């Protein structure tokens, strides 16, 4: 016979690690760099941005990250403007939305 009564076991105590979602870079990116990790499409891919099967947005070229918002579709877009063509900076957001 035990000399000490057994304590009750806890049914809690399980937790998974955080998934490290969110914005990973918002300035200069290289080809293949992850820009945003997300669940679902909070942000949509724009020019020179690809989307993985888990909705991760990544750069398709080297350049600078730029965010736009489409009021008509109520969507946020992420674009990467290539270094060799920084003239994109002066292009209106309406024109960029028409390219999508």
C-alpha atoms as a PDB file:
ATOM      1  CA  UNK A   1       0.000   0.000   0.000  1.00  0.00           C
ATOM      2  CA  UNK A   2       1.280   3.440  -0.963  1.00  0.00           C
ATOM      3  CA  UNK A   3       2.378   5.740   1.796  1.00  0.00           C
ATOM      4  CA  UNK A   4       1.348   8.826  -0.118  1.00  0.00           C
ATOM      5  CA  UNK A   5      -1.901   9.418  -1.923  1.00  0.00           C
ATOM      6  CA  UNK A   6      -1.506   9.887  -5.676  1.00  0.00           C
ATOM      7  CA  UNK A   7      -2.125  13.423  -6.951  1.00  0.00           C
ATOM      8  CA  UNK A   8      -4.620  14.031  -9.729  1.00  0.00           C
ATOM      9  CA  UNK A   9      -3.310  14.353 -13.250  1.00  0.00           C
ATOM     10  CA  UNK A  10      -3.844  17.585 -15.125  1.00  0.00           C
ATOM     11  CA  UNK A  11      -5.813  17.450 -18.341  1.00  0.00           C
ATOM     12  CA  UNK A  12      -4.461  20.818 -19.468  1.00  0.00           C
ATOM     13  CA  UNK A  13      -0.891  21.723 -20.270  1.00  0.00           C
ATOM     14  CA  UNK A  14      -0.909  21.304 -24.051  1.00  0.00           C
ATOM     15  CA  UNK A  15      -0.195  24.199 -26.360  1.00  0.00           C
ATOM     16  CA  UNK A  16       1.229  24.558 -29.834  1.00  0.00           C
ATOM     17  CA  UNK A  17       3.971  26.962 -30.789  1.00  0.00           C
ATOM     18  CA  UNK A  18       3.024  30.225 -32.489  1.00  0.00           C
ATOM     19  CA  UNK A  19       3.010  30.109 -36.276  1.00  0.00           C
ATOM     20  CA  UNK A  20       5.109  33.288 -36.764  1.00  0.00           C
ATOM     21  CA  UNK A  21       2.639  34.911 -39.142  1.00  0.00           C
ATOM     22  CA  UNK A  22       2.697  38.479 -40.367  1.00  0.00           C
ATOM     23  CA  UNK A  23       4.829  40.925 -42.289  1.00  0.00           C
ATOM     24  CA  UNK A  24       8.411  39.698 -42.742  1.00  0.00           C
ATOM     25  CA  UNK A  25       9.873  42.595 -44.699  1.00  0.00           C
ATOM     26  CA  UNK A  26       8.543  45.897 -45.974  1.00  0.00           C
ATOM     27  CA  UNK A  27      11.502  47.440 -47.772  1.00  0.00           C
ATOM     28  CA  UNK A  28      14.002  45.791 -50.123  1.00  0.00           C
ATOM     29  CA  UNK A  29      13.519  42.143 -51.148  1.00  0.00           C
ATOM     30  CA  UNK A  30      15.442  39.692 -53.286  1.00  0.00           C
ATOM     31  CA  UNK A  31      14.021  37.047 -55.586  1.00  0.00           C
ATOM     32  CA  UNK A  32      12.133  34.451 -53.505  1.00  0.00           C
ATOM     33  CA  UNK A  33      12.102  36.387 -50.222  1.00  0.00           C
ATOM     34  CA  UNK A  34       8.999  35.929 -48.084  1.00  0.00           C
ATOM     35  CA  UNK A  35       7.085  39.183 -47.704  1.00  0.00           C
ATOM     36  CA  UNK A  36       4.018  38.100 -45.691  1.00  0.00           C
ATOM     37  CA  UNK A  37       3.011  34.842 -44.031  1.00  0.00           C
ATOM     38  CA  UNK A  38      -0.747  34.668 -43.536  1.00  0.00           C
ATOM     39  CA  UNK A  39      -3.753  32.401 -43.166  1.00  0.00           C
ATOM     40  CA  UNK A  40      -6.179  33.217 -45.931  1.00  0.00           C
ATOM     41  CA  UNK A  41      -5.758  36.188 -48.220  1.00  0.00           C
ATOM     42  CA  UNK A  42      -5.588  39.278 -46.032  1.00  0.00           C
ATOM     43  CA  UNK A  43      -3.164  40.598 -48.641  1.00  0.00           C
ATOM     44  CA  UNK A  44      -3.371  39.695 -52.335  1.00  0.00           C
ATOM     45  CA  UNK A  45      -0.408  39.322 -54.682  1.00  0.00           C
ATOM     46  CA  UNK A  46       0.217  42.223 -57.059  1.00  0.00           C
ATOM     47  CA  UNK A  47       2.997  42.950 -59.542  1.00  0.00           C
ATOM     48  CA  UNK A  48       6.032  40.657 -59.176  1.00  0.00           C
ATOM     49  CA  UNK A  49       4.545  38.888 -56.136  1.00  0.00           C
ATOM     50  CA  UNK A  50       3.643  35.190 -56.020  1.00  0.00           C
ATOM     51  CA  UNK A  51       1.456  33.260 -53.594  1.00  0.00           C
ATOM     52  CA  UNK A  52       2.233  29.823 -52.148  1.00  0.00           C
ATOM     53  CA  UNK A  53      -0.338  27.162 -51.363  1.00  0.00           C
ATOM     54  CA  UNK A  54      -0.465  28.317 -47.717  1.00  0.00           C
ATOM     55  CA  UNK A  55      -1.151  31.913 -48.914  1.00  0.00           C
ATOM     56  CA  UNK A  56       2.406  33.055 -48.202  1.00  0.00           C
ATOM     57  CA  UNK A  57       3.343  36.006 -50.408  1.00  0.00           C
ATOM     58  CA  UNK A  58       6.859  35.987 -51.852  1.00  0.00           C
ATOM     59  CA  UNK A  59       8.868  38.123 -54.222  1.00  0.00           C
ATOM     60  CA  UNK A  60       9.297  37.067 -57.846  1.00  0.00           C
ATOM     61  CA  UNK A  61      12.005  39.646 -58.508  1.00  0.00           C
ATOM     62  CA  UNK A  62      14.452  41.899 -56.713  1.00  0.00           C
ATOM     63  CA  UNK A  63      13.116  45.314 -55.757  1.00  0.00           C
ATOM     64  CA  UNK A  64      11.156  47.410 -53.264  1.00  0.00           C
ATOM     65  CA  UNK A  65       7.877  46.403 -51.585  1.00  0.00           C
ATOM     66  CA  UNK A  66       4.856  48.654 -52.097  1.00  0.00           C
ATOM     67  CA  UNK A  67       1.311  48.292 -50.705  1.00  0.00           C
ATOM     68  CA  UNK A  68      -1.913  49.458 -52.365  1.00  0.00           C
ATOM     69  CA  UNK A  69      -5.607  49.283 -51.509  1.00  0.00           C
ATOM     70  CA  UNK A  70      -8.438  48.781 -54.000  1.00  0.00           C
ATOM     71  CA  UNK A  71     -11.561  50.547 -52.706  1.00  0.00           C
ATOM     72  CA  UNK A  72     -13.801  48.877 -55.252  1.00  0.00           C
ATOM     73  CA  UNK A  73     -12.827  45.300 -54.374  1.00  0.00           C
ATOM     74  CA  UNK A  74     -11.916  46.120 -50.747  1.00  0.00           C
ATOM     75  CA  UNK A  75      -8.563  44.348 -51.127  1.00  0.00           C
ATOM     76  CA  UNK A  76      -5.014  45.080 -50.052  1.00  0.00           C
ATOM     77  CA  UNK A  77      -2.304  44.310 -52.600  1.00  0.00           C
ATOM     78  CA  UNK A  78       1.444  43.857 -52.254  1.00  0.00           C
ATOM     79  CA  UNK A  79       3.679  44.790 -55.188  1.00  0.00           C
ATOM     80  CA  UNK A  80       7.427  44.542 -55.755  1.00  0.00           C
ATOM     81  CA  UNK A  81       8.886  47.177 -58.044  1.00  0.00           C
ATOM     82  CA  UNK A  82      11.989  45.899 -59.798  1.00  0.00           C
ATOM     83  CA  UNK A  83      15.218  47.805 -59.277  1.00  0.00           C
ATOM     84  CA  UNK A  84      15.722  48.233 -62.998  1.00  0.00           C
ATOM     85  CA  UNK A  85      12.322  49.907 -63.339  1.00  0.00           C
ATOM     86  CA  UNK A  86      11.796  52.263 -60.410  1.00  0.00           C
ATOM     87  CA  UNK A  87       9.656  54.487 -62.633  1.00  0.00           C
ATOM     88  CA  UNK A  88       6.725  52.462 -61.218  1.00  0.00           C
ATOM     89  CA  UNK A  89       6.849  54.710 -58.155  1.00  0.00           C
ATOM     90  CA  UNK A  90       5.211  57.520 -60.142  1.00  0.00           C
ATOM     91  CA  UNK A  91       2.402  55.366 -61.520  1.00  0.00           C
ATOM     92  CA  UNK A  92      -1.041  55.999 -60.056  1.00  0.00           C
ATOM     93  CA  UNK A  93      -2.696  53.350 -57.907  1.00  0.00           C
ATOM     94  CA  UNK A  94      -5.709  53.280 -60.243  1.00  0.00           C
ATOM     95  CA  UNK A  95      -3.452  52.248 -63.110  1.00  0.00           C
ATOM     96  CA  UNK A  96      -1.819  49.547 -60.974  1.00  0.00           C
ATOM     97  CA  UNK A  97      -5.226  48.158 -60.035  1.00  0.00           C
ATOM     98  CA  UNK A  98      -6.175  47.986 -63.711  1.00  0.00           C
ATOM     99  CA  UNK A  99      -3.131  45.792 -64.379  1.00  0.00           C
ATOM    100  CA  UNK A 100      -4.401  43.151 -61.989  1.00  0.00           C
END
